[in-house]
N, C-alpha and C. Protein backbone atom coordinates (compact mmCIF):
# COMPACT_ATOMS: atom_id res chain seq x y z
N MET A 1 34.96 -8.28 36.61
CA MET A 1 35.09 -7.26 35.66
C MET A 1 35.00 -8.07 34.39
N ALA A 2 35.24 -9.27 33.83
CA ALA A 2 35.78 -9.90 32.55
C ALA A 2 33.58 -10.57 32.61
N MET A 3 33.92 -11.18 33.24
CA MET A 3 32.24 -11.42 33.81
C MET A 3 31.05 -10.02 32.96
N ASN A 4 31.44 -9.11 34.08
CA ASN A 4 30.83 -7.88 33.10
C ASN A 4 30.34 -7.64 31.63
N GLN A 5 32.02 -7.51 31.27
CA GLN A 5 32.28 -6.83 30.32
C GLN A 5 31.85 -8.10 28.94
N ASN A 6 31.74 -9.57 29.60
CA ASN A 6 31.21 -10.61 28.88
C ASN A 6 29.41 -10.61 28.80
N ASN A 7 28.76 -9.93 29.55
CA ASN A 7 27.47 -9.69 29.40
C ASN A 7 27.33 -9.15 28.80
N LYS A 8 27.87 -7.62 28.79
CA LYS A 8 27.56 -6.74 27.98
C LYS A 8 27.53 -7.01 26.20
N ILE A 9 28.67 -7.74 25.72
CA ILE A 9 28.39 -8.31 24.98
C ILE A 9 28.25 -9.04 24.50
N ALA A 10 27.25 -9.95 25.44
CA ALA A 10 25.96 -10.65 25.06
C ALA A 10 24.76 -10.21 24.53
N PHE A 11 24.37 -9.24 25.88
CA PHE A 11 23.43 -8.32 25.31
C PHE A 11 23.19 -7.53 23.74
N ARG A 12 24.18 -6.72 23.53
CA ARG A 12 24.51 -6.54 22.68
C ARG A 12 24.11 -7.53 21.21
N PHE A 13 24.66 -8.00 21.46
CA PHE A 13 24.46 -9.66 20.39
C PHE A 13 22.86 -9.80 20.53
N LEU A 14 22.63 -10.16 21.56
CA LEU A 14 20.61 -10.80 21.65
C LEU A 14 20.59 -9.29 20.80
N GLY A 15 20.84 -8.65 21.20
CA GLY A 15 20.16 -6.60 20.66
C GLY A 15 19.85 -6.69 19.37
N VAL A 16 21.30 -7.21 18.28
CA VAL A 16 21.59 -7.12 16.86
C VAL A 16 20.63 -7.81 16.98
N ALA A 17 20.62 -9.43 17.27
CA ALA A 17 19.34 -10.58 16.43
C ALA A 17 18.27 -10.11 16.33
N ALA A 18 18.02 -9.44 17.82
CA ALA A 18 16.67 -8.93 17.88
C ALA A 18 15.74 -8.02 16.89
N PHE A 19 16.80 -7.06 16.74
CA PHE A 19 16.31 -5.99 15.94
C PHE A 19 16.42 -6.34 14.30
N MET A 20 17.55 -7.77 13.98
CA MET A 20 17.69 -8.25 12.70
C MET A 20 16.14 -8.68 12.76
N LEU A 21 15.67 -10.16 13.24
CA LEU A 21 14.50 -10.30 13.57
C LEU A 21 13.07 -9.41 13.11
N ALA A 22 13.13 -8.36 13.90
CA ALA A 22 12.04 -7.83 14.01
C ALA A 22 12.16 -7.06 12.68
N MET A 23 13.40 -6.96 12.03
CA MET A 23 13.21 -6.10 10.48
C MET A 23 12.89 -7.43 9.86
N SER A 24 13.13 -8.83 10.12
CA SER A 24 12.61 -9.55 9.10
C SER A 24 10.94 -9.48 8.68
N PHE A 25 11.07 -9.43 9.98
CA PHE A 25 8.94 -9.59 10.11
C PHE A 25 8.19 -8.47 9.02
N ALA A 26 9.55 -6.99 9.08
CA ALA A 26 8.49 -6.08 8.36
C ALA A 26 9.13 -5.89 7.03
N ALA A 27 9.46 -6.71 7.08
CA ALA A 27 10.15 -6.51 5.40
C ALA A 27 9.32 -6.60 4.45
N VAL A 28 8.86 -8.26 4.56
CA VAL A 28 7.34 -8.14 3.48
C VAL A 28 6.50 -7.75 3.71
N PRO A 29 5.46 -7.33 4.77
CA PRO A 29 4.20 -5.53 4.49
C PRO A 29 5.26 -4.31 4.21
N PHE A 30 6.26 -4.32 4.49
CA PHE A 30 7.04 -3.23 3.60
C PHE A 30 7.39 -3.05 2.07
N TYR A 31 7.54 -4.16 1.98
CA TYR A 31 7.59 -4.14 0.24
C TYR A 31 6.47 -4.24 -0.31
N ASP A 32 5.42 -5.33 0.62
CA ASP A 32 4.10 -5.24 -0.21
C ASP A 32 3.62 -3.99 -0.34
N TRP A 33 3.74 -2.25 0.96
CA TRP A 33 3.26 -1.41 0.75
C TRP A 33 3.58 -0.76 -0.56
N PHE A 34 5.36 -0.94 -0.73
CA PHE A 34 6.22 0.00 -1.41
C PHE A 34 5.46 -0.35 -2.65
N CYS A 35 5.11 -2.00 -2.76
CA CYS A 35 4.99 -1.94 -4.82
C CYS A 35 3.30 -1.58 -4.53
N ARG A 36 2.31 -1.75 -4.22
CA ARG A 36 1.16 -1.41 -4.35
C ARG A 36 0.83 0.45 -4.71
N VAL A 37 2.59 0.91 -3.69
CA VAL A 37 2.14 2.35 -3.98
C VAL A 37 3.00 2.43 -5.46
N THR A 38 4.03 1.89 -5.60
CA THR A 38 4.49 2.32 -7.02
C THR A 38 4.50 1.91 -8.35
N GLY A 39 3.65 0.27 -7.93
CA GLY A 39 3.85 0.27 -9.00
C GLY A 39 4.68 -1.43 -9.32
N PHE A 40 6.16 -0.52 -8.21
CA PHE A 40 7.07 -1.74 -8.58
C PHE A 40 6.79 -3.30 -9.21
N GLY A 41 7.15 -3.96 -9.67
CA GLY A 41 7.42 -5.13 -10.13
C GLY A 41 6.07 -5.95 -11.13
N GLY A 42 4.90 -4.28 -11.49
CA GLY A 42 3.81 -4.97 -12.07
C GLY A 42 2.70 -5.10 -11.13
N VAL A 43 2.69 -4.67 -10.07
CA VAL A 43 1.94 -4.49 -8.82
C VAL A 43 0.89 -3.49 -9.53
N THR A 44 -0.60 -3.47 -9.39
CA THR A 44 -1.81 -2.78 -10.42
C THR A 44 -2.03 -1.63 -9.37
N GLN A 45 -2.93 -0.70 -8.89
CA GLN A 45 -2.94 0.10 -8.47
C GLN A 45 -4.79 -0.66 -8.06
N VAL A 46 -5.41 0.45 -7.27
CA VAL A 46 -6.72 0.05 -7.18
C VAL A 46 -7.56 1.42 -6.58
N ALA A 47 -8.25 1.62 -7.21
CA ALA A 47 -9.15 2.66 -6.93
C ALA A 47 -10.79 2.61 -7.02
N VAL A 48 -11.73 3.70 -6.74
CA VAL A 48 -12.93 3.07 -5.93
C VAL A 48 -13.90 3.58 -6.86
N GLN A 49 -13.26 4.41 -7.56
CA GLN A 49 -14.37 4.49 -9.09
C GLN A 49 -13.73 5.08 -10.12
N LYS A 50 -14.21 5.28 -11.43
CA LYS A 50 -13.89 5.59 -12.30
C LYS A 50 -13.41 6.51 -13.16
N SER A 51 -12.03 6.61 -13.90
CA SER A 51 -11.16 7.88 -14.79
C SER A 51 -12.48 9.10 -14.68
N ASP A 52 -11.78 10.35 -14.11
CA ASP A 52 -12.72 10.77 -14.74
C ASP A 52 -12.38 11.43 -15.92
N GLU A 53 -11.40 11.33 -16.61
CA GLU A 53 -10.27 11.36 -18.03
C GLU A 53 -9.88 10.85 -19.09
N ILE A 54 -10.24 10.58 -20.19
CA ILE A 54 -10.59 9.25 -20.86
C ILE A 54 -9.87 10.47 -22.22
N LEU A 55 -8.53 9.77 -22.95
CA LEU A 55 -7.66 10.07 -23.90
C LEU A 55 -8.30 9.71 -24.92
N ASP A 56 -7.86 10.10 -26.28
CA ASP A 56 -8.29 9.16 -27.41
C ASP A 56 -7.27 8.21 -28.06
N GLU A 57 -5.99 8.26 -27.17
CA GLU A 57 -5.45 7.08 -27.49
C GLU A 57 -5.74 6.37 -26.74
N THR A 58 -5.40 4.69 -28.10
CA THR A 58 -6.21 3.66 -27.36
C THR A 58 -4.28 2.61 -26.38
N MET A 59 -4.62 1.99 -25.86
CA MET A 59 -3.79 0.89 -25.52
C MET A 59 -4.62 -0.58 -25.82
N ASN A 60 -3.80 -1.69 -26.01
CA ASN A 60 -3.87 -2.86 -26.03
C ASN A 60 -3.49 -3.45 -24.61
N ILE A 61 -4.61 -4.06 -24.58
CA ILE A 61 -5.13 -5.06 -23.28
C ILE A 61 -4.96 -6.46 -23.50
N ARG A 62 -4.07 -7.37 -23.15
CA ARG A 62 -3.82 -8.93 -23.11
C ARG A 62 -4.38 -9.31 -21.98
N PHE A 63 -4.79 -10.27 -21.89
CA PHE A 63 -4.87 -11.32 -20.20
C PHE A 63 -4.23 -12.82 -20.80
N ASP A 64 -4.09 -13.36 -18.94
CA ASP A 64 -3.47 -13.62 -18.97
C ASP A 64 -3.72 -15.08 -17.75
N GLY A 65 -4.11 -16.09 -18.28
CA GLY A 65 -4.08 -16.70 -16.66
C GLY A 65 -3.53 -18.60 -16.60
N SER A 66 -3.05 -18.61 -15.28
CA SER A 66 -2.04 -19.56 -15.54
C SER A 66 -2.51 -20.44 -14.47
N LEU A 67 -2.12 -21.33 -13.44
CA LEU A 67 -2.37 -22.15 -12.07
C LEU A 67 -1.05 -22.23 -11.43
N GLU A 68 -0.75 -22.69 -10.25
CA GLU A 68 0.02 -22.82 -9.68
C GLU A 68 0.11 -24.11 -9.44
N ALA A 69 1.22 -25.00 -9.17
CA ALA A 69 1.93 -26.47 -9.42
C ALA A 69 0.86 -26.65 -8.27
N GLY A 70 -0.40 -28.11 -8.90
CA GLY A 70 -1.29 -28.90 -8.49
C GLY A 70 -2.47 -27.89 -7.71
N MET A 71 -2.65 -27.05 -8.10
CA MET A 71 -3.75 -26.29 -8.43
C MET A 71 -4.45 -28.02 -9.16
N PRO A 72 -6.19 -27.74 -9.26
CA PRO A 72 -6.60 -28.59 -9.73
C PRO A 72 -7.71 -28.31 -10.81
N TRP A 73 -7.78 -26.42 -10.54
CA TRP A 73 -8.96 -26.47 -11.25
C TRP A 73 -8.76 -26.36 -13.11
N GLU A 74 -9.24 -25.57 -13.77
CA GLU A 74 -8.64 -24.88 -14.94
C GLU A 74 -9.46 -23.32 -14.86
N PHE A 75 -8.77 -23.02 -15.94
CA PHE A 75 -8.48 -21.36 -15.20
C PHE A 75 -8.10 -20.33 -16.29
N LYS A 76 -9.29 -19.48 -17.70
CA LYS A 76 -8.37 -18.66 -18.50
C LYS A 76 -8.93 -17.44 -18.54
N PRO A 77 -9.03 -16.90 -19.27
CA PRO A 77 -9.29 -15.47 -19.97
C PRO A 77 -10.71 -15.40 -20.69
N ILE A 78 -11.46 -14.92 -20.79
CA ILE A 78 -12.96 -15.39 -21.44
C ILE A 78 -12.32 -14.62 -22.76
N GLU A 79 -11.74 -13.61 -22.84
CA GLU A 79 -11.31 -12.80 -24.00
C GLU A 79 -10.03 -12.91 -23.27
N ARG A 80 -8.95 -12.63 -24.71
CA ARG A 80 -7.33 -12.49 -24.92
C ARG A 80 -7.02 -11.45 -24.84
N LYS A 81 -7.72 -10.68 -25.49
CA LYS A 81 -7.45 -9.25 -26.05
C LYS A 81 -8.15 -8.54 -26.26
N MET A 82 -8.12 -6.89 -25.86
CA MET A 82 -8.75 -6.14 -26.12
C MET A 82 -8.35 -4.63 -26.38
N LYS A 83 -9.20 -3.59 -26.93
CA LYS A 83 -8.83 -2.41 -27.29
C LYS A 83 -9.32 -1.45 -26.87
N ILE A 84 -8.89 -0.83 -25.37
CA ILE A 84 -9.97 0.47 -24.61
C ILE A 84 -9.01 1.62 -25.08
N LYS A 85 -9.58 3.04 -24.55
CA LYS A 85 -9.11 4.43 -25.14
C LYS A 85 -8.24 4.56 -23.06
N ILE A 86 -7.42 5.32 -23.36
CA ILE A 86 -6.46 5.50 -21.87
C ILE A 86 -7.92 5.97 -21.27
N GLY A 87 -8.05 5.44 -20.24
CA GLY A 87 -8.57 6.29 -18.77
C GLY A 87 -10.87 5.92 -18.98
N GLU A 88 -10.67 4.84 -19.92
CA GLU A 88 -11.63 4.61 -20.69
C GLU A 88 -12.11 2.97 -19.31
N THR A 89 -12.77 2.83 -19.03
CA THR A 89 -12.96 1.69 -17.68
C THR A 89 -13.65 0.21 -18.89
N GLY A 90 -12.99 -0.82 -18.92
CA GLY A 90 -12.67 -1.42 -18.90
C GLY A 90 -13.47 -2.80 -18.33
N LEU A 91 -13.79 -4.21 -18.88
CA LEU A 91 -14.55 -5.09 -18.00
C LEU A 91 -13.79 -6.35 -18.98
N ALA A 92 -13.61 -7.32 -18.13
CA ALA A 92 -13.25 -8.49 -18.90
C ALA A 92 -13.80 -9.78 -18.45
N PHE A 93 -13.22 -10.07 -18.63
CA PHE A 93 -13.89 -12.36 -17.32
C PHE A 93 -13.07 -13.24 -17.71
N TYR A 94 -12.92 -13.75 -16.59
CA TYR A 94 -12.06 -14.98 -16.22
C TYR A 94 -12.56 -16.01 -15.91
N GLU A 95 -12.35 -17.58 -16.22
CA GLU A 95 -13.53 -18.04 -16.17
C GLU A 95 -12.78 -19.39 -15.17
N ALA A 96 -13.36 -19.91 -14.37
CA ALA A 96 -12.63 -21.07 -13.42
C ALA A 96 -13.49 -21.86 -12.85
N TYR A 97 -13.09 -23.40 -13.45
CA TYR A 97 -13.64 -24.73 -13.18
C TYR A 97 -13.21 -25.56 -12.24
N ASN A 98 -14.04 -25.55 -11.26
CA ASN A 98 -13.30 -26.29 -10.57
C ASN A 98 -13.57 -28.37 -11.46
N PRO A 99 -13.23 -29.32 -12.37
CA PRO A 99 -13.27 -30.72 -12.48
C PRO A 99 -13.23 -31.50 -10.89
N THR A 100 -13.09 -31.16 -10.05
CA THR A 100 -12.94 -32.76 -8.68
C THR A 100 -13.95 -32.37 -7.92
N ASP A 101 -14.05 -33.56 -7.25
CA ASP A 101 -15.28 -33.87 -6.90
C ASP A 101 -15.49 -33.42 -5.05
N LYS A 102 -14.50 -32.87 -5.05
CA LYS A 102 -14.60 -31.42 -3.56
C LYS A 102 -14.65 -29.84 -3.82
N PRO A 103 -15.42 -29.66 -3.22
CA PRO A 103 -15.06 -27.47 -2.83
C PRO A 103 -13.10 -27.73 -3.15
N ILE A 104 -12.67 -26.76 -3.19
CA ILE A 104 -11.36 -25.47 -3.45
C ILE A 104 -11.54 -24.69 -3.68
N ALA A 105 -10.59 -23.52 -2.55
CA ALA A 105 -10.82 -22.47 -2.34
C ALA A 105 -9.50 -22.20 -3.16
N GLY A 106 -9.53 -20.62 -3.80
CA GLY A 106 -8.13 -20.30 -4.20
C GLY A 106 -7.95 -18.47 -4.37
N THR A 107 -6.94 -17.88 -3.66
CA THR A 107 -6.96 -17.11 -4.17
C THR A 107 -6.21 -16.78 -5.32
N ALA A 108 -5.90 -15.40 -5.96
CA ALA A 108 -5.37 -15.08 -7.55
C ALA A 108 -4.57 -13.73 -6.77
N SER A 109 -3.25 -14.40 -7.59
CA SER A 109 -2.03 -13.56 -7.44
C SER A 109 -1.90 -12.94 -8.79
N TYR A 110 -1.12 -11.80 -8.59
CA TYR A 110 -1.58 -10.76 -10.40
C TYR A 110 -0.36 -9.67 -10.37
N ASN A 111 0.28 -9.36 -11.69
CA ASN A 111 0.99 -8.44 -11.89
C ASN A 111 0.22 -7.75 -13.41
N VAL A 112 1.44 -6.86 -14.08
CA VAL A 112 1.25 -6.07 -15.19
C VAL A 112 2.08 -6.40 -16.13
N TYR A 113 2.55 -6.93 -17.21
CA TYR A 113 4.06 -6.64 -17.78
C TYR A 113 3.68 -5.65 -19.15
N PRO A 114 4.71 -4.72 -19.40
CA PRO A 114 5.60 -4.23 -18.57
C PRO A 114 5.29 -3.65 -16.96
N TYR A 115 6.06 -3.84 -16.38
CA TYR A 115 6.07 -3.81 -15.12
C TYR A 115 5.99 -2.57 -14.80
N ILE A 116 6.75 -1.72 -15.63
CA ILE A 116 6.50 -0.17 -15.07
C ILE A 116 4.72 0.27 -15.60
N ALA A 117 4.20 -0.09 -16.31
CA ALA A 117 3.07 -0.09 -16.20
C ALA A 117 1.70 -0.02 -15.05
N GLY A 118 2.48 -1.13 -14.26
CA GLY A 118 1.76 -1.48 -12.64
C GLY A 118 1.06 -0.16 -11.77
N GLY A 119 2.63 0.91 -12.41
CA GLY A 119 1.85 1.90 -11.89
C GLY A 119 1.18 2.51 -12.02
N TYR A 120 0.24 2.24 -13.64
CA TYR A 120 -1.07 3.19 -13.85
C TYR A 120 -2.32 2.66 -14.26
N PHE A 121 -2.30 1.35 -14.00
CA PHE A 121 -2.99 0.16 -14.48
C PHE A 121 -3.85 -0.23 -12.71
N THR A 122 -5.37 0.38 -13.25
CA THR A 122 -5.66 0.50 -12.57
C THR A 122 -7.40 -0.43 -12.24
N LYS A 123 -7.23 -1.02 -11.22
CA LYS A 123 -8.65 -1.81 -10.97
C LYS A 123 -9.57 -0.81 -9.95
N ILE A 124 -10.58 -1.53 -10.72
CA ILE A 124 -11.98 -0.52 -9.65
C ILE A 124 -12.37 -2.19 -8.83
N ASP A 125 -12.55 -3.14 -9.47
CA ASP A 125 -13.10 -4.20 -8.45
C ASP A 125 -12.32 -5.52 -9.85
N CYS A 126 -12.28 -6.67 -8.60
CA CYS A 126 -11.95 -7.14 -9.28
C CYS A 126 -12.04 -9.37 -8.44
N PHE A 127 -12.19 -9.55 -9.36
CA PHE A 127 -12.20 -11.36 -8.05
C PHE A 127 -11.68 -11.59 -7.21
N CYS A 128 -9.96 -10.81 -7.74
CA CYS A 128 -8.31 -11.58 -6.60
C CYS A 128 -8.67 -10.59 -5.54
N PHE A 129 -9.30 -9.43 -5.21
CA PHE A 129 -9.83 -9.13 -4.28
C PHE A 129 -9.90 -10.25 -2.99
N GLU A 130 -10.77 -10.83 -3.63
CA GLU A 130 -11.01 -12.08 -2.30
C GLU A 130 -11.00 -13.41 -2.58
N MET A 131 -10.88 -14.06 -1.77
CA MET A 131 -10.93 -15.94 -1.83
C MET A 131 -11.95 -16.11 -2.84
N GLN A 132 -11.58 -17.08 -3.34
CA GLN A 132 -12.97 -17.83 -3.83
C GLN A 132 -13.15 -19.16 -4.12
N VAL A 133 -14.02 -19.32 -4.07
CA VAL A 133 -14.49 -21.26 -3.32
C VAL A 133 -15.37 -21.11 -4.53
N LEU A 134 -14.49 -22.68 -5.17
CA LEU A 134 -15.58 -23.57 -6.46
C LEU A 134 -16.42 -25.23 -5.86
N GLN A 135 -17.36 -24.97 -5.36
CA GLN A 135 -18.09 -26.28 -5.59
C GLN A 135 -17.85 -27.40 -6.56
N PRO A 136 -17.76 -28.75 -6.07
CA PRO A 136 -17.61 -29.65 -7.46
C PRO A 136 -17.91 -29.35 -8.50
N GLY A 137 -17.30 -29.20 -9.76
CA GLY A 137 -18.35 -29.18 -10.65
C GLY A 137 -18.84 -28.00 -11.32
N GLU A 138 -18.28 -26.71 -10.11
CA GLU A 138 -19.33 -25.47 -10.06
C GLU A 138 -18.47 -24.70 -11.50
N ARG A 139 -18.78 -24.25 -12.58
CA ARG A 139 -17.72 -23.16 -13.58
C ARG A 139 -18.43 -21.87 -13.45
N VAL A 140 -17.29 -20.46 -12.92
CA VAL A 140 -17.99 -19.22 -12.97
C VAL A 140 -16.87 -18.83 -13.20
N GLN A 141 -17.36 -17.16 -14.38
CA GLN A 141 -16.96 -16.35 -14.66
C GLN A 141 -17.02 -14.92 -13.81
N MET A 142 -15.52 -14.67 -13.95
CA MET A 142 -15.11 -13.42 -12.67
C MET A 142 -14.31 -12.28 -13.52
N PRO A 143 -15.38 -11.28 -13.24
CA PRO A 143 -14.74 -10.11 -13.63
C PRO A 143 -13.89 -9.57 -12.79
N VAL A 144 -13.07 -8.13 -13.90
CA VAL A 144 -12.14 -7.45 -13.53
C VAL A 144 -12.89 -6.31 -14.45
N THR A 145 -12.79 -5.00 -13.26
CA THR A 145 -12.65 -3.88 -14.15
C THR A 145 -11.60 -2.51 -13.75
N PHE A 146 -11.46 -2.10 -15.17
CA PHE A 146 -10.14 -1.69 -14.63
C PHE A 146 -10.11 -0.69 -15.65
N PHE A 147 -8.93 0.31 -15.56
CA PHE A 147 -8.97 1.60 -16.05
C PHE A 147 -7.02 1.43 -16.87
N VAL A 148 -6.24 2.27 -17.66
CA VAL A 148 -5.56 2.41 -17.54
C VAL A 148 -5.31 4.27 -17.30
N ASP A 149 -4.77 4.29 -16.32
CA ASP A 149 -4.70 6.01 -15.66
C ASP A 149 -3.92 6.98 -17.06
N PRO A 150 -4.50 7.61 -17.11
CA PRO A 150 -4.46 9.20 -18.00
C PRO A 150 -2.48 9.51 -18.02
N GLU A 151 -2.34 9.15 -16.73
CA GLU A 151 -1.19 10.00 -16.19
C GLU A 151 0.03 9.07 -16.49
N ILE A 152 -0.17 8.16 -17.67
CA ILE A 152 0.50 7.06 -17.66
C ILE A 152 1.15 8.22 -19.09
N LYS A 153 0.97 8.93 -20.21
CA LYS A 153 0.97 9.49 -20.46
C LYS A 153 1.74 11.09 -20.10
N ASP A 154 2.00 11.19 -19.27
CA ASP A 154 3.19 11.76 -18.82
C ASP A 154 4.56 11.33 -17.98
N ASP A 155 4.40 10.07 -18.27
CA ASP A 155 5.68 9.45 -17.55
C ASP A 155 6.79 9.52 -18.41
N ALA A 156 7.50 9.64 -18.52
CA ALA A 156 8.67 9.87 -19.92
C ALA A 156 8.54 8.33 -20.76
N GLU A 157 8.38 7.11 -20.10
CA GLU A 157 9.24 5.59 -20.20
C GLU A 157 7.72 4.77 -20.36
N ALA A 158 6.55 5.66 -19.57
CA ALA A 158 5.75 5.14 -19.57
C ALA A 158 4.89 5.26 -21.04
N LYS A 159 5.21 6.32 -21.35
CA LYS A 159 3.96 6.71 -22.75
C LYS A 159 4.73 6.46 -24.00
N LEU A 160 5.54 5.05 -24.44
CA LEU A 160 5.14 5.00 -25.21
C LEU A 160 5.21 3.71 -25.33
N ILE A 161 4.63 2.69 -23.97
CA ILE A 161 3.74 1.51 -24.06
C ILE A 161 2.71 1.76 -25.07
N LYS A 162 2.69 0.70 -25.74
CA LYS A 162 1.00 0.54 -26.30
C LYS A 162 0.39 -1.22 -26.34
N SER A 163 0.84 -2.04 -25.04
CA SER A 163 -0.11 -2.91 -24.67
C SER A 163 0.81 -3.20 -23.39
N ILE A 164 -0.05 -3.48 -22.64
CA ILE A 164 -0.19 -4.24 -20.83
C ILE A 164 -0.46 -5.59 -20.84
N THR A 165 -0.06 -6.62 -20.57
CA THR A 165 -0.78 -7.97 -20.26
C THR A 165 -0.99 -8.32 -18.49
N LEU A 166 -2.07 -7.78 -17.87
CA LEU A 166 -2.72 -8.81 -17.18
C LEU A 166 -2.24 -9.80 -16.96
N SER A 167 -1.88 -10.44 -15.95
CA SER A 167 -1.36 -11.96 -15.64
C SER A 167 -2.00 -12.57 -14.46
N TYR A 168 -2.83 -13.15 -13.66
CA TYR A 168 -2.89 -13.92 -12.87
C TYR A 168 -2.66 -15.82 -12.46
N THR A 169 -2.42 -15.33 -11.80
CA THR A 169 -2.15 -17.29 -10.95
C THR A 169 -2.64 -17.60 -10.01
N PHE A 170 -3.71 -19.08 -10.04
CA PHE A 170 -4.31 -18.97 -8.80
C PHE A 170 -3.78 -19.77 -8.30
N HIS A 171 -4.23 -19.70 -7.00
CA HIS A 171 -2.90 -20.81 -5.87
C HIS A 171 -4.46 -21.80 -5.03
N VAL A 172 -3.87 -22.54 -4.52
CA VAL A 172 -4.95 -23.22 -3.80
C VAL A 172 -4.96 -22.63 -2.33
N THR A 173 -5.85 -22.33 -1.33
CA THR A 173 -6.24 -21.67 -0.44
C THR A 173 -7.02 -23.27 0.75
N ASP A 174 -6.52 -22.61 2.03
CA ASP A 174 -7.54 -23.28 2.51
C ASP A 174 -8.69 -23.15 2.63
N LEU A 175 -10.03 -23.72 2.61
CA LEU A 175 -10.74 -23.45 2.68
C LEU A 175 -11.32 -22.29 3.79
N PRO A 176 -12.54 -21.72 3.73
CA PRO A 176 -12.63 -21.23 4.93
C PRO A 176 -13.55 -22.25 6.37
N ASN A 177 -13.16 -22.31 7.60
CA ASN A 177 -13.53 -23.08 7.98
C ASN A 177 -14.87 -23.95 8.66
N THR A 178 -15.55 -22.99 7.70
CA THR A 178 -17.57 -23.82 7.97
C THR A 178 -17.66 -24.27 6.61
N GLN A 179 -16.73 -23.82 5.78
CA GLN A 179 -16.72 -24.78 4.21
C GLN A 179 -16.56 -26.07 4.79
N ALA A 180 -14.94 -25.98 5.55
CA ALA A 180 -14.25 -27.03 5.06
C ALA A 180 -14.47 -28.37 6.61
N SER A 181 -15.64 -27.96 7.03
CA SER A 181 -16.53 -28.67 7.84
C SER A 181 -17.54 -29.16 7.36
N LEU A 182 -17.99 -28.53 6.33
CA LEU A 182 -19.31 -29.08 5.51
C LEU A 182 -18.87 -30.35 4.55
N ALA A 183 -17.51 -30.07 4.16
CA ALA A 183 -17.01 -30.42 3.23
C ALA A 183 -16.76 -32.61 4.34
N THR A 184 -15.96 -31.86 5.13
CA THR A 184 -15.68 -33.18 6.28
C THR A 184 -16.98 -33.70 7.07
N ASP A 185 -17.84 -33.31 7.02
CA ASP A 185 -19.11 -33.25 7.19
C ASP A 185 -19.57 -34.76 6.34
N ASP A 186 -19.58 -34.14 5.03
CA ASP A 186 -20.13 -34.88 3.57
C ASP A 186 -19.55 -36.18 3.27
N LYS A 187 -18.55 -36.17 3.39
CA LYS A 187 -17.46 -37.55 3.41
C LYS A 187 -17.89 -38.49 4.90
N SER A 188 -17.89 -37.33 5.78
CA SER A 188 -18.45 -38.88 7.25
C SER A 188 -19.86 -39.00 6.31
N GLN A 189 -20.44 -38.64 6.03
CA GLN A 189 -22.10 -39.22 5.63
C GLN A 189 -22.14 -40.13 4.51
N VAL A 190 -20.90 -39.90 3.54
CA VAL A 190 -20.49 -41.15 3.00
C VAL A 190 -20.29 -42.08 3.15
N LYS A 191 -19.00 -42.04 3.87
CA LYS A 191 -18.41 -43.26 4.57
C LYS A 191 -19.65 -44.03 5.56
N ALA A 192 -20.31 -43.91 5.82
CA ALA A 192 -21.42 -43.82 6.64
C ALA A 192 -22.23 -44.94 6.05
N ALA A 193 -22.65 -44.39 4.81
CA ALA A 193 -23.33 -45.12 4.38
C ALA A 193 -22.95 -45.89 3.37
N GLN A 194 -21.97 -46.30 3.24
CA GLN A 194 -21.17 -47.66 2.81
C GLN A 194 -21.57 -48.65 3.47
């Protein structure tokens, strides 16, 4: 009888442990979804077309760029700030340069500040939607198309915002298999030639 009771307790603990493990894996996608839907933490919104409404009021947009530790690129906004009408489509460019002698892939994480503006800062197209691969010595200009949703004026707190900062940080990413194998082949050919 005691053995049967011990088995029940063990199975309950295993069940609780399995549930907690499953919830830990579900937490990351759920948090990501929550941030994208609400703009929490300065996560921006995405749209497939421009705003239908443009207000006479303007918003100052500032641009910031940084690199994670160990990312060898140079990365910066071309234009540090612009003023656009709320609802108007803006176009900004960032520049990236790979000063190394090998191809390097990068992905950009992003947010806006103040964080409450994330629910109203909407990107139509952005270099941050895809991995970027820069060849040795390559310099590129990468666009971001965006607008500030006019609904920002209906939010009691957000309507007081006069300036939004869009920040990107580039992170090193593994090269896609085809480019990684090309880079390996190039190194092999250089060694063979020596």
